[in-house]
Amino acid sequence: MKRQAKSRVWHQRHVNDFYVKQSVEQGYRSRSAYKLMEIDDRDRLLKPGSALVDLGCAPGGWCQVALERMKGQGRIVGIDLLEMVGLNGVEFLQGDFTEQVTLNELVERLQGNKADLVLSDMSPNITGVIISDQARIYYLAELALEFSANWLKPDGIFLVKVFQGAGFEDYMKQMRSVFNAVMVRKPKASRDSSREVYLLGRGLKLDDSIEHEPEFD
């Protein structure tokens, strides 16, 4: 199928999508909001009073859900290279979460504390070249995992989107080397045709040989 034809098919499927319609009607910025809701209904991640960091937060759908479920109690910091329209109750940092200048600002926002929960729904721009896309997806996921190892409290939680296929088993091994428990979640809001799943890591494995302290100037 030619690219233009694929684009038309995707657009038609998108506008007719149940969760897209729901997000418009209910005021959520993305259909992915419902994915986080489903996972939270099952795993109780979003607790009032928590400190949460949302990596790749734009356009803000997951931040909206976190705001609602944390009942305005706690701290939510969203980080993205892209701009995000402000949300009352969300502290937004526009920048690269792997760069020191962004991390220094994060230290200030968290008031020197670590996070209870790190979320990552990041995905690169998909090219359609499966091998290349998978490599880029897992590169982002590995950066998010490294961030979580450094910035989570010992009993913290990490939720990250990945795609089944090349790299999945290797990444699962990495997750299991960092967290005491790792679970796979496939919310109903994920399209059946999509290979995306979410990995949930709970509780850092504390190893004196591994440095988990964030570094900042």
N, C-alpha and C. Protein backbone atom coordinates (compact mmCIF):
# COMPACT_ATOMS: atom_id res chain seq x y z
N MET A 1 0.85 -1.19 0.00
CA MET A 1 0.00 0.00 0.00
C MET A 1 0.88 1.25 0.00
N LYS A 2 0.59 2.21 -0.87
CA LYS A 2 1.37 3.42 -0.95
C LYS A 2 1.17 4.26 0.31
N ARG A 3 2.15 5.17 0.57
CA ARG A 3 2.13 5.96 1.79
C ARG A 3 0.86 6.80 1.91
N GLN A 4 0.43 7.45 0.81
CA GLN A 4 -0.76 8.29 0.86
C GLN A 4 -2.00 7.47 1.20
N ALA A 5 -2.08 6.27 0.63
CA ALA A 5 -3.22 5.40 0.91
C ALA A 5 -3.19 4.96 2.37
N LYS A 6 -2.02 4.63 2.88
CA LYS A 6 -1.88 4.23 4.28
C LYS A 6 -2.31 5.38 5.19
N SER A 7 -1.91 6.59 4.80
CA SER A 7 -2.25 7.76 5.60
C SER A 7 -3.76 7.96 5.66
N ARG A 8 -4.43 7.76 4.53
CA ARG A 8 -5.89 7.92 4.50
C ARG A 8 -6.57 6.86 5.37
N VAL A 9 -6.08 5.64 5.29
CA VAL A 9 -6.65 4.55 6.10
C VAL A 9 -6.47 4.86 7.58
N TRP A 10 -5.25 5.31 7.96
CA TRP A 10 -4.98 5.63 9.36
C TRP A 10 -5.89 6.76 9.84
N HIS A 11 -6.04 7.80 9.02
CA HIS A 11 -6.86 8.94 9.41
C HIS A 11 -8.32 8.52 9.61
N GLN A 12 -8.83 7.70 8.70
CA GLN A 12 -10.22 7.25 8.80
C GLN A 12 -10.43 6.41 10.06
N ARG A 13 -9.47 5.54 10.34
CA ARG A 13 -9.56 4.71 11.54
C ARG A 13 -9.48 5.57 12.80
N HIS A 14 -8.63 6.59 12.73
CA HIS A 14 -8.43 7.46 13.88
C HIS A 14 -9.70 8.23 14.23
N VAL A 15 -10.32 8.86 13.24
CA VAL A 15 -11.50 9.70 13.52
C VAL A 15 -12.69 8.85 13.96
N ASN A 16 -12.70 7.57 13.57
CA ASN A 16 -13.80 6.69 13.96
C ASN A 16 -13.52 5.91 15.24
N ASP A 17 -12.33 6.11 15.80
CA ASP A 17 -11.90 5.36 16.98
C ASP A 17 -12.74 5.76 18.21
N PHE A 18 -13.21 4.75 18.93
CA PHE A 18 -14.05 4.99 20.11
C PHE A 18 -13.34 5.87 21.13
N TYR A 19 -12.07 5.58 21.42
CA TYR A 19 -11.35 6.32 22.45
C TYR A 19 -10.98 7.73 21.99
N VAL A 20 -10.79 7.91 20.71
CA VAL A 20 -10.57 9.26 20.19
C VAL A 20 -11.82 10.10 20.42
N LYS A 21 -12.98 9.53 20.08
CA LYS A 21 -14.25 10.24 20.29
C LYS A 21 -14.47 10.53 21.77
N GLN A 22 -14.17 9.55 22.61
CA GLN A 22 -14.33 9.73 24.05
C GLN A 22 -13.43 10.85 24.57
N SER A 23 -12.19 10.87 24.09
CA SER A 23 -11.25 11.89 24.57
C SER A 23 -11.73 13.29 24.21
N VAL A 24 -12.32 13.44 23.02
CA VAL A 24 -12.85 14.74 22.60
C VAL A 24 -14.04 15.12 23.48
N GLU A 25 -14.95 14.17 23.68
CA GLU A 25 -16.15 14.44 24.46
C GLU A 25 -15.84 14.75 25.93
N GLN A 26 -14.84 14.07 26.48
CA GLN A 26 -14.54 14.21 27.90
C GLN A 26 -13.40 15.18 28.18
N GLY A 27 -12.82 15.76 27.13
CA GLY A 27 -11.82 16.81 27.32
C GLY A 27 -10.41 16.35 27.60
N TYR A 28 -10.10 15.11 27.24
CA TYR A 28 -8.72 14.64 27.39
C TYR A 28 -7.90 14.97 26.15
N ARG A 29 -6.65 15.24 26.36
CA ARG A 29 -5.80 15.70 25.27
C ARG A 29 -5.33 14.59 24.35
N SER A 30 -5.49 13.36 24.75
CA SER A 30 -5.07 12.23 23.92
C SER A 30 -5.85 10.99 24.31
N ARG A 31 -6.00 10.06 23.35
CA ARG A 31 -6.69 8.80 23.64
C ARG A 31 -5.88 7.94 24.61
N SER A 32 -4.59 8.21 24.70
CA SER A 32 -3.74 7.42 25.60
C SER A 32 -4.11 7.64 27.06
N ALA A 33 -4.87 8.68 27.36
CA ALA A 33 -5.33 8.89 28.73
C ALA A 33 -6.05 7.65 29.25
N TYR A 34 -6.81 7.01 28.37
CA TYR A 34 -7.61 5.85 28.79
C TYR A 34 -6.73 4.63 29.07
N LYS A 35 -5.57 4.58 28.45
CA LYS A 35 -4.64 3.48 28.73
C LYS A 35 -4.14 3.59 30.16
N LEU A 36 -3.77 4.80 30.55
CA LEU A 36 -3.29 4.99 31.92
C LEU A 36 -4.42 4.74 32.92
N MET A 37 -5.62 5.17 32.60
CA MET A 37 -6.75 4.91 33.50
C MET A 37 -6.94 3.42 33.75
N GLU A 38 -6.89 2.64 32.67
CA GLU A 38 -7.08 1.19 32.80
C GLU A 38 -6.00 0.56 33.67
N ILE A 39 -4.75 0.97 33.42
CA ILE A 39 -3.65 0.40 34.19
C ILE A 39 -3.76 0.82 35.65
N ASP A 40 -4.13 2.08 35.88
CA ASP A 40 -4.26 2.55 37.26
C ASP A 40 -5.43 1.88 37.97
N ASP A 41 -6.51 1.60 37.26
CA ASP A 41 -7.63 0.88 37.87
C ASP A 41 -7.17 -0.47 38.41
N ARG A 42 -6.26 -1.09 37.70
CA ARG A 42 -5.78 -2.42 38.09
C ARG A 42 -4.66 -2.35 39.13
N ASP A 43 -3.72 -1.41 38.93
CA ASP A 43 -2.48 -1.44 39.72
C ASP A 43 -2.35 -0.32 40.74
N ARG A 44 -3.31 0.61 40.77
CA ARG A 44 -3.32 1.67 41.80
C ARG A 44 -1.98 2.40 41.87
N LEU A 45 -1.62 3.04 40.79
CA LEU A 45 -0.35 3.75 40.71
C LEU A 45 -0.44 5.18 41.21
N LEU A 46 -1.54 5.84 40.90
CA LEU A 46 -1.68 7.29 41.10
C LEU A 46 -2.31 7.57 42.46
N LYS A 47 -1.45 7.84 43.44
CA LYS A 47 -1.91 8.01 44.81
C LYS A 47 -1.73 9.47 45.25
N PRO A 48 -2.74 10.03 45.90
CA PRO A 48 -2.60 11.39 46.42
C PRO A 48 -1.36 11.53 47.30
N GLY A 49 -0.65 12.64 47.12
CA GLY A 49 0.55 12.89 47.91
C GLY A 49 1.83 12.40 47.27
N SER A 50 1.73 11.71 46.13
CA SER A 50 2.92 11.18 45.47
C SER A 50 3.68 12.25 44.69
N ALA A 51 4.93 11.96 44.41
CA ALA A 51 5.73 12.77 43.51
C ALA A 51 5.89 11.98 42.21
N LEU A 52 5.44 12.57 41.11
CA LEU A 52 5.36 11.87 39.82
C LEU A 52 6.13 12.63 38.76
N VAL A 53 6.86 11.91 37.91
CA VAL A 53 7.54 12.50 36.76
C VAL A 53 7.03 11.81 35.51
N ASP A 54 6.53 12.61 34.56
CA ASP A 54 6.00 12.10 33.29
C ASP A 54 6.97 12.48 32.18
N LEU A 55 7.68 11.48 31.65
CA LEU A 55 8.67 11.71 30.58
C LEU A 55 7.97 11.71 29.23
N GLY A 56 8.27 12.71 28.40
CA GLY A 56 7.61 12.82 27.11
C GLY A 56 6.13 13.10 27.29
N CYS A 57 5.82 14.09 28.14
CA CYS A 57 4.45 14.28 28.63
C CYS A 57 3.49 14.91 27.61
N ALA A 58 4.00 15.65 26.63
CA ALA A 58 3.11 16.33 25.67
C ALA A 58 2.29 15.31 24.88
N PRO A 59 1.02 15.61 24.62
CA PRO A 59 0.29 16.86 24.84
C PRO A 59 -0.32 17.02 26.24
N GLY A 60 -0.17 16.00 27.10
CA GLY A 60 -0.62 16.15 28.47
C GLY A 60 -1.74 15.24 28.92
N GLY A 61 -2.11 14.26 28.11
CA GLY A 61 -3.20 13.36 28.48
C GLY A 61 -2.95 12.60 29.77
N TRP A 62 -1.72 12.10 29.95
CA TRP A 62 -1.42 11.35 31.16
C TRP A 62 -1.36 12.28 32.37
N CYS A 63 -0.87 13.51 32.17
CA CYS A 63 -0.85 14.47 33.27
C CYS A 63 -2.27 14.79 33.74
N GLN A 64 -3.20 14.88 32.80
CA GLN A 64 -4.60 15.13 33.16
C GLN A 64 -5.14 14.02 34.06
N VAL A 65 -4.88 12.79 33.69
CA VAL A 65 -5.35 11.65 34.49
C VAL A 65 -4.70 11.67 35.87
N ALA A 66 -3.41 11.94 35.91
CA ALA A 66 -2.70 11.99 37.19
C ALA A 66 -3.29 13.08 38.09
N LEU A 67 -3.58 14.24 37.52
CA LEU A 67 -4.17 15.33 38.30
C LEU A 67 -5.49 14.90 38.93
N GLU A 68 -6.33 14.26 38.13
CA GLU A 68 -7.64 13.84 38.63
C GLU A 68 -7.51 12.80 39.74
N ARG A 69 -6.66 11.83 39.51
CA ARG A 69 -6.62 10.69 40.44
C ARG A 69 -5.78 10.97 41.69
N MET A 70 -4.88 11.94 41.59
CA MET A 70 -4.11 12.33 42.77
C MET A 70 -4.82 13.42 43.56
N LYS A 71 -5.97 13.86 43.03
CA LYS A 71 -6.86 14.80 43.73
C LYS A 71 -6.15 16.09 44.14
N GLY A 72 -5.20 16.52 43.29
CA GLY A 72 -4.51 17.77 43.58
C GLY A 72 -3.53 17.69 44.73
N GLN A 73 -3.28 16.48 45.21
CA GLN A 73 -2.35 16.30 46.34
C GLN A 73 -1.09 15.61 45.85
N GLY A 74 0.04 16.27 46.01
CA GLY A 74 1.30 15.72 45.54
C GLY A 74 1.96 16.66 44.55
N ARG A 75 2.88 16.11 43.77
CA ARG A 75 3.63 16.92 42.82
C ARG A 75 3.75 16.18 41.50
N ILE A 76 3.40 16.85 40.41
CA ILE A 76 3.48 16.27 39.08
C ILE A 76 4.41 17.13 38.24
N VAL A 77 5.47 16.52 37.73
CA VAL A 77 6.41 17.23 36.86
C VAL A 77 6.42 16.53 35.50
N GLY A 78 6.09 17.28 34.46
CA GLY A 78 6.13 16.75 33.10
C GLY A 78 7.32 17.30 32.36
N ILE A 79 7.97 16.43 31.59
CA ILE A 79 9.16 16.83 30.82
C ILE A 79 8.96 16.43 29.37
N ASP A 80 9.25 17.36 28.46
CA ASP A 80 9.17 17.04 27.03
C ASP A 80 10.00 18.03 26.24
N LEU A 81 10.52 17.57 25.10
CA LEU A 81 11.21 18.46 24.18
C LEU A 81 10.22 19.43 23.52
N LEU A 82 8.98 18.97 23.35
CA LEU A 82 7.95 19.76 22.71
C LEU A 82 7.26 20.65 23.74
N GLU A 83 6.63 21.70 23.26
CA GLU A 83 5.84 22.55 24.13
C GLU A 83 4.57 21.81 24.57
N MET A 84 4.07 22.18 25.73
CA MET A 84 2.80 21.64 26.19
C MET A 84 1.97 22.78 26.77
N VAL A 85 0.73 22.85 26.37
CA VAL A 85 -0.18 23.84 26.95
C VAL A 85 -0.30 23.58 28.44
N GLY A 86 -0.19 24.63 29.23
CA GLY A 86 -0.14 24.47 30.68
C GLY A 86 -1.37 23.83 31.29
N LEU A 87 -1.14 23.12 32.39
CA LEU A 87 -2.20 22.52 33.19
C LEU A 87 -2.00 22.96 34.63
N ASN A 88 -3.00 23.53 35.24
CA ASN A 88 -2.89 23.91 36.65
C ASN A 88 -2.64 22.67 37.49
N GLY A 89 -1.52 22.71 38.22
CA GLY A 89 -1.17 21.57 39.05
C GLY A 89 -0.05 20.72 38.47
N VAL A 90 0.36 21.04 37.25
CA VAL A 90 1.47 20.32 36.62
C VAL A 90 2.62 21.29 36.38
N GLU A 91 3.79 20.91 36.84
CA GLU A 91 5.00 21.71 36.60
C GLU A 91 5.67 21.17 35.35
N PHE A 92 5.74 21.98 34.31
CA PHE A 92 6.24 21.52 33.02
C PHE A 92 7.66 22.02 32.77
N LEU A 93 8.54 21.10 32.38
CA LEU A 93 9.90 21.44 31.99
C LEU A 93 10.06 21.13 30.51
N GLN A 94 10.35 22.13 29.70
CA GLN A 94 10.62 21.86 28.29
C GLN A 94 12.12 21.66 28.13
N GLY A 95 12.50 20.44 27.78
CA GLY A 95 13.91 20.13 27.66
C GLY A 95 14.13 18.63 27.52
N ASP A 96 15.38 18.25 27.49
CA ASP A 96 15.81 16.86 27.34
C ASP A 96 16.12 16.30 28.72
N PHE A 97 15.40 15.24 29.12
CA PHE A 97 15.58 14.72 30.47
C PHE A 97 16.93 14.03 30.67
N THR A 98 17.72 13.89 29.61
CA THR A 98 19.06 13.32 29.75
C THR A 98 20.13 14.40 29.91
N GLU A 99 19.74 15.67 29.79
CA GLU A 99 20.71 16.76 29.88
C GLU A 99 20.73 17.35 31.28
N GLN A 100 21.92 17.75 31.70
CA GLN A 100 22.12 18.19 33.08
C GLN A 100 21.31 19.43 33.43
N VAL A 101 21.16 20.35 32.47
CA VAL A 101 20.41 21.57 32.78
C VAL A 101 18.96 21.25 33.15
N THR A 102 18.37 20.26 32.46
CA THR A 102 17.00 19.85 32.77
C THR A 102 16.95 19.12 34.11
N LEU A 103 17.94 18.28 34.36
CA LEU A 103 17.97 17.54 35.62
C LEU A 103 18.18 18.47 36.81
N ASN A 104 18.97 19.52 36.63
CA ASN A 104 19.17 20.49 37.71
C ASN A 104 17.84 21.15 38.08
N GLU A 105 17.07 21.48 37.06
CA GLU A 105 15.77 22.10 37.31
C GLU A 105 14.80 21.11 37.95
N LEU A 106 14.91 19.84 37.56
CA LEU A 106 14.06 18.81 38.15
C LEU A 106 14.34 18.68 39.64
N VAL A 107 15.62 18.77 40.02
CA VAL A 107 15.98 18.70 41.44
C VAL A 107 15.24 19.79 42.22
N GLU A 108 15.20 20.99 41.63
CA GLU A 108 14.51 22.10 42.29
C GLU A 108 13.01 21.82 42.41
N ARG A 109 12.41 21.31 41.32
CA ARG A 109 10.97 21.06 41.33
C ARG A 109 10.59 19.98 42.34
N LEU A 110 11.46 18.98 42.49
CA LEU A 110 11.20 17.90 43.44
C LEU A 110 11.73 18.23 44.84
N GLN A 111 12.30 19.44 44.97
CA GLN A 111 12.81 19.91 46.25
C GLN A 111 13.83 18.95 46.85
N GLY A 112 14.67 18.41 45.96
CA GLY A 112 15.74 17.53 46.41
C GLY A 112 15.32 16.10 46.70
N ASN A 113 14.03 15.82 46.54
CA ASN A 113 13.53 14.47 46.81
C ASN A 113 13.51 13.64 45.53
N LYS A 114 13.28 12.35 45.70
CA LYS A 114 13.11 11.47 44.55
C LYS A 114 11.63 11.24 44.28
N ALA A 115 11.35 10.57 43.17
CA ALA A 115 9.97 10.37 42.73
C ALA A 115 9.41 9.04 43.22
N ASP A 116 8.10 9.02 43.43
CA ASP A 116 7.40 7.78 43.74
C ASP A 116 7.05 7.01 42.47
N LEU A 117 6.88 7.76 41.37
CA LEU A 117 6.40 7.15 40.14
C LEU A 117 6.99 7.88 38.94
N VAL A 118 7.51 7.12 37.99
CA VAL A 118 7.97 7.66 36.71
C VAL A 118 7.16 7.02 35.60
N LEU A 119 6.57 7.85 34.74
CA LEU A 119 5.78 7.39 33.61
C LEU A 119 6.49 7.72 32.31
N SER A 120 6.39 6.83 31.33
CA SER A 120 6.95 7.11 30.01
C SER A 120 6.07 6.49 28.94
N ASP A 121 5.36 7.36 28.24
CA ASP A 121 4.54 6.93 27.10
C ASP A 121 5.20 7.39 25.80
N MET A 122 6.49 7.57 25.85
CA MET A 122 7.23 8.12 24.70
C MET A 122 7.25 7.16 23.52
N SER A 123 7.24 7.75 22.33
CA SER A 123 7.40 6.99 21.10
C SER A 123 8.02 7.91 20.06
N PRO A 124 9.01 7.43 19.30
CA PRO A 124 9.60 8.29 18.26
C PRO A 124 8.64 8.43 17.09
N ASN A 125 8.95 9.34 16.19
CA ASN A 125 8.19 9.43 14.94
C ASN A 125 8.41 8.15 14.15
N ILE A 126 7.32 7.45 13.86
CA ILE A 126 7.41 6.16 13.20
C ILE A 126 7.63 6.36 11.70
N THR A 127 8.63 5.64 11.17
CA THR A 127 8.98 5.76 9.75
C THR A 127 8.34 4.68 8.90
N GLY A 128 7.95 3.57 9.54
CA GLY A 128 7.44 2.43 8.79
C GLY A 128 8.50 1.37 8.52
N VAL A 129 9.76 1.72 8.80
CA VAL A 129 10.86 0.76 8.68
C VAL A 129 10.99 0.07 10.03
N ILE A 130 10.51 -1.17 10.11
CA ILE A 130 10.34 -1.84 11.39
C ILE A 130 11.63 -1.92 12.20
N ILE A 131 12.73 -2.34 11.56
CA ILE A 131 13.99 -2.50 12.28
C ILE A 131 14.45 -1.18 12.87
N SER A 132 14.37 -0.13 12.06
CA SER A 132 14.78 1.20 12.52
C SER A 132 13.87 1.72 13.61
N ASP A 133 12.57 1.55 13.43
CA ASP A 133 11.61 2.03 14.42
C ASP A 133 11.79 1.33 15.76
N GLN A 134 11.98 0.01 15.73
CA GLN A 134 12.17 -0.74 16.97
C GLN A 134 13.40 -0.27 17.72
N ALA A 135 14.49 -0.03 16.98
CA ALA A 135 15.73 0.43 17.61
C ALA A 135 15.53 1.78 18.29
N ARG A 136 14.81 2.67 17.65
CA ARG A 136 14.57 4.00 18.22
C ARG A 136 13.64 3.93 19.41
N ILE A 137 12.65 3.07 19.33
CA ILE A 137 11.72 2.89 20.45
C ILE A 137 12.46 2.40 21.69
N TYR A 138 13.32 1.42 21.51
CA TYR A 138 14.01 0.86 22.67
C TYR A 138 15.14 1.76 23.16
N TYR A 139 15.65 2.60 22.31
CA TYR A 139 16.63 3.59 22.76
C TYR A 139 15.96 4.53 23.76
N LEU A 140 14.76 5.02 23.42
CA LEU A 140 14.03 5.88 24.34
C LEU A 140 13.67 5.14 25.63
N ALA A 141 13.24 3.90 25.49
CA ALA A 141 12.85 3.12 26.67
C ALA A 141 14.04 2.89 27.59
N GLU A 142 15.22 2.66 27.02
CA GLU A 142 16.41 2.46 27.83
C GLU A 142 16.81 3.74 28.57
N LEU A 143 16.66 4.89 27.89
CA LEU A 143 16.93 6.16 28.56
C LEU A 143 15.98 6.37 29.73
N ALA A 144 14.70 6.02 29.52
CA ALA A 144 13.70 6.17 30.57
C ALA A 144 14.00 5.23 31.74
N LEU A 145 14.45 4.03 31.45
CA LEU A 145 14.79 3.07 32.50
C LEU A 145 15.99 3.56 33.31
N GLU A 146 16.98 4.10 32.63
CA GLU A 146 18.15 4.64 33.33
C GLU A 146 17.73 5.81 34.24
N PHE A 147 16.87 6.65 33.70
CA PHE A 147 16.36 7.77 34.50
C PHE A 147 15.66 7.25 35.75
N SER A 148 14.83 6.25 35.59
CA SER A 148 14.07 5.71 36.72
C SER A 148 14.99 5.12 37.78
N ALA A 149 16.02 4.42 37.35
CA ALA A 149 16.96 3.83 38.30
C ALA A 149 17.62 4.91 39.16
N ASN A 150 17.80 6.09 38.58
CA ASN A 150 18.46 7.18 39.29
C ASN A 150 17.51 8.04 40.12
N TRP A 151 16.26 8.14 39.70
CA TRP A 151 15.38 9.14 40.27
C TRP A 151 14.22 8.59 41.10
N LEU A 152 14.04 7.29 41.12
CA LEU A 152 12.96 6.71 41.92
C LEU A 152 13.38 6.43 43.35
N LYS A 153 12.41 6.52 44.26
CA LYS A 153 12.62 6.05 45.62
C LYS A 153 12.76 4.53 45.60
N PRO A 154 13.34 3.93 46.64
CA PRO A 154 13.54 2.48 46.63
C PRO A 154 12.27 1.68 46.35
N ASP A 155 11.12 2.16 46.83
CA ASP A 155 9.87 1.44 46.60
C ASP A 155 9.09 2.04 45.42
N GLY A 156 9.78 2.79 44.55
CA GLY A 156 9.14 3.48 43.45
C GLY A 156 8.64 2.57 42.34
N ILE A 157 7.88 3.17 41.43
CA ILE A 157 7.23 2.45 40.34
C ILE A 157 7.56 3.11 39.01
N PHE A 158 7.78 2.29 37.99
CA PHE A 158 8.10 2.77 36.65
C PHE A 158 7.15 2.12 35.66
N LEU A 159 6.48 2.94 34.84
CA LEU A 159 5.59 2.45 33.80
C LEU A 159 6.08 2.97 32.46
N VAL A 160 6.34 2.07 31.51
CA VAL A 160 6.93 2.47 30.24
C VAL A 160 6.27 1.74 29.07
N LYS A 161 6.08 2.47 27.97
CA LYS A 161 5.54 1.85 26.76
C LYS A 161 6.67 1.27 25.93
N VAL A 162 6.47 0.04 25.45
CA VAL A 162 7.41 -0.60 24.53
C VAL A 162 6.59 -1.31 23.45
N PHE A 163 7.29 -1.90 22.50
CA PHE A 163 6.60 -2.64 21.43
C PHE A 163 7.18 -4.04 21.36
N GLN A 164 6.31 -5.02 21.27
CA GLN A 164 6.76 -6.40 21.16
C GLN A 164 7.46 -6.61 19.83
N GLY A 165 8.46 -7.47 19.86
CA GLY A 165 9.26 -7.70 18.67
C GLY A 165 10.73 -7.66 19.04
N ALA A 166 11.58 -7.31 18.08
CA ALA A 166 13.01 -7.24 18.32
C ALA A 166 13.32 -6.28 19.46
N GLY A 167 14.10 -6.76 20.41
CA GLY A 167 14.50 -5.94 21.54
C GLY A 167 13.65 -6.13 22.79
N PHE A 168 12.49 -6.75 22.64
CA PHE A 168 11.58 -6.87 23.78
C PHE A 168 12.17 -7.71 24.91
N GLU A 169 12.66 -8.89 24.58
CA GLU A 169 13.18 -9.78 25.62
C GLU A 169 14.41 -9.19 26.29
N ASP A 170 15.27 -8.55 25.51
CA ASP A 170 16.46 -7.92 26.09
C ASP A 170 16.06 -6.81 27.06
N TYR A 171 15.05 -6.06 26.67
CA TYR A 171 14.62 -4.97 27.55
C TYR A 171 13.96 -5.51 28.82
N MET A 172 13.22 -6.59 28.69
CA MET A 172 12.63 -7.22 29.86
C MET A 172 13.73 -7.64 30.85
N LYS A 173 14.83 -8.16 30.33
CA LYS A 173 15.95 -8.55 31.20
C LYS A 173 16.52 -7.34 31.92
N GLN A 174 16.62 -6.23 31.18
CA GLN A 174 17.11 -5.00 31.81
C GLN A 174 16.17 -4.54 32.92
N MET A 175 14.87 -4.59 32.63
CA MET A 175 13.89 -4.20 33.65
C MET A 175 14.02 -5.08 34.89
N ARG A 176 14.16 -6.37 34.68
CA ARG A 176 14.24 -7.30 35.80
C ARG A 176 15.54 -7.14 36.59
N SER A 177 16.55 -6.58 35.96
CA SER A 177 17.81 -6.33 36.68
C SER A 177 17.71 -5.09 37.56
N VAL A 178 16.72 -4.25 37.30
CA VAL A 178 16.55 -3.00 38.04
C VAL A 178 15.44 -3.09 39.08
N PHE A 179 14.35 -3.84 38.76
CA PHE A 179 13.17 -3.87 39.62
C PHE A 179 12.93 -5.26 40.20
N ASN A 180 12.36 -5.26 41.38
CA ASN A 180 12.04 -6.53 42.05
C ASN A 180 10.92 -7.27 41.35
N ALA A 181 9.97 -6.55 40.78
CA ALA A 181 8.85 -7.16 40.08
C ALA A 181 8.59 -6.41 38.79
N VAL A 182 8.37 -7.16 37.71
CA VAL A 182 8.09 -6.57 36.39
C VAL A 182 6.88 -7.27 35.80
N MET A 183 5.89 -6.49 35.39
CA MET A 183 4.64 -7.04 34.84
C MET A 183 4.35 -6.42 33.48
N VAL A 184 3.64 -7.16 32.65
CA VAL A 184 3.23 -6.69 31.33
C VAL A 184 1.76 -6.32 31.38
N ARG A 185 1.44 -5.16 30.83
CA ARG A 185 0.06 -4.71 30.77
C ARG A 185 -0.31 -4.34 29.34
N LYS A 186 -1.47 -4.81 28.89
CA LYS A 186 -2.00 -4.49 27.56
C LYS A 186 -3.42 -3.95 27.76
N PRO A 187 -3.57 -2.63 27.96
CA PRO A 187 -4.92 -2.08 28.19
C PRO A 187 -5.80 -2.22 26.96
N LYS A 188 -7.10 -2.28 27.19
CA LYS A 188 -8.04 -2.40 26.09
C LYS A 188 -7.99 -1.20 25.15
N ALA A 189 -7.57 -0.05 25.68
CA ALA A 189 -7.48 1.15 24.86
C ALA A 189 -6.34 1.08 23.85
N SER A 190 -5.42 0.14 24.02
CA SER A 190 -4.41 -0.10 22.98
C SER A 190 -5.08 -0.82 21.83
N ARG A 191 -4.85 -0.37 20.63
CA ARG A 191 -5.49 -1.00 19.47
C ARG A 191 -5.05 -2.45 19.34
N ASP A 192 -5.97 -3.32 18.96
CA ASP A 192 -5.67 -4.74 18.81
C ASP A 192 -4.54 -4.98 17.82
N SER A 193 -4.48 -4.14 16.80
CA SER A 193 -3.47 -4.31 15.75
C SER A 193 -2.10 -3.81 16.18
N SER A 194 -2.04 -3.10 17.30
CA SER A 194 -0.77 -2.52 17.75
C SER A 194 0.03 -3.52 18.56
N ARG A 195 1.34 -3.47 18.40
CA ARG A 195 2.24 -4.34 19.17
C ARG A 195 2.65 -3.69 20.49
N GLU A 196 2.08 -2.55 20.79
CA GLU A 196 2.48 -1.85 22.02
C GLU A 196 1.96 -2.57 23.26
N VAL A 197 2.80 -2.59 24.27
CA VAL A 197 2.43 -3.05 25.60
C VAL A 197 3.11 -2.11 26.59
N TYR A 198 2.70 -2.21 27.84
CA TYR A 198 3.31 -1.41 28.89
C TYR A 198 3.97 -2.34 29.90
N LEU A 199 5.17 -1.97 30.32
CA LEU A 199 5.88 -2.73 31.34
C LEU A 199 5.85 -1.93 32.63
N LEU A 200 5.53 -2.62 33.70
CA LEU A 200 5.40 -2.01 35.01
C LEU A 200 6.44 -2.60 35.95
N GLY A 201 7.34 -1.76 36.41
CA GLY A 201 8.37 -2.20 37.35
C GLY A 201 8.10 -1.64 38.73
N ARG A 202 8.21 -2.50 39.74
CA ARG A 202 7.96 -2.08 41.13
C ARG A 202 9.16 -2.40 42.01
N GLY A 203 9.61 -1.43 42.78
CA GLY A 203 10.65 -1.65 43.79
C GLY A 203 12.03 -1.82 43.21
N LEU A 204 12.90 -0.87 43.46
CA LEU A 204 14.27 -0.96 42.93
C LEU A 204 15.05 -2.06 43.64
N LYS A 205 15.83 -2.79 42.88
CA LYS A 205 16.76 -3.73 43.47
C LYS A 205 17.96 -2.93 43.98
N LEU A 206 18.16 -2.94 45.27
CA LEU A 206 19.23 -2.14 45.85
C LEU A 206 20.52 -2.95 45.82
N ASP A 207 21.50 -2.40 45.10
CA ASP A 207 22.78 -3.07 44.93
C ASP A 207 23.86 -2.04 45.18
N ASP A 208 24.70 -2.30 46.16
CA ASP A 208 25.74 -1.33 46.51
C ASP A 208 26.70 -1.06 45.36
N SER A 209 26.74 -1.98 44.39
CA SER A 209 27.67 -1.81 43.27
C SER A 209 27.08 -0.92 42.19
N ILE A 210 25.78 -0.57 42.32
CA ILE A 210 25.12 0.27 41.32
C ILE A 210 24.81 1.62 41.92
N GLU A 211 25.20 2.67 41.23
CA GLU A 211 24.95 4.02 41.70
C GLU A 211 23.58 4.47 41.25
N HIS A 212 22.71 4.77 42.21
CA HIS A 212 21.35 5.20 41.87
C HIS A 212 21.09 6.64 42.29
N GLU A 213 22.12 7.38 42.67
CA GLU A 213 21.91 8.76 43.08
C GLU A 213 21.99 9.69 41.89
N PRO A 214 21.02 10.61 41.74
CA PRO A 214 21.10 11.59 40.66
C PRO A 214 22.27 12.53 40.87
N GLU A 215 22.93 12.90 39.79
CA GLU A 215 24.05 13.82 39.85
C GLU A 215 23.62 15.16 39.30
N PHE A 216 23.99 16.24 39.98
CA PHE A 216 23.66 17.56 39.49
C PHE A 216 24.69 18.56 39.99
N ASP A 217 24.78 19.67 39.30
CA ASP A 217 25.76 20.70 39.65
C ASP A 217 25.31 21.48 40.88
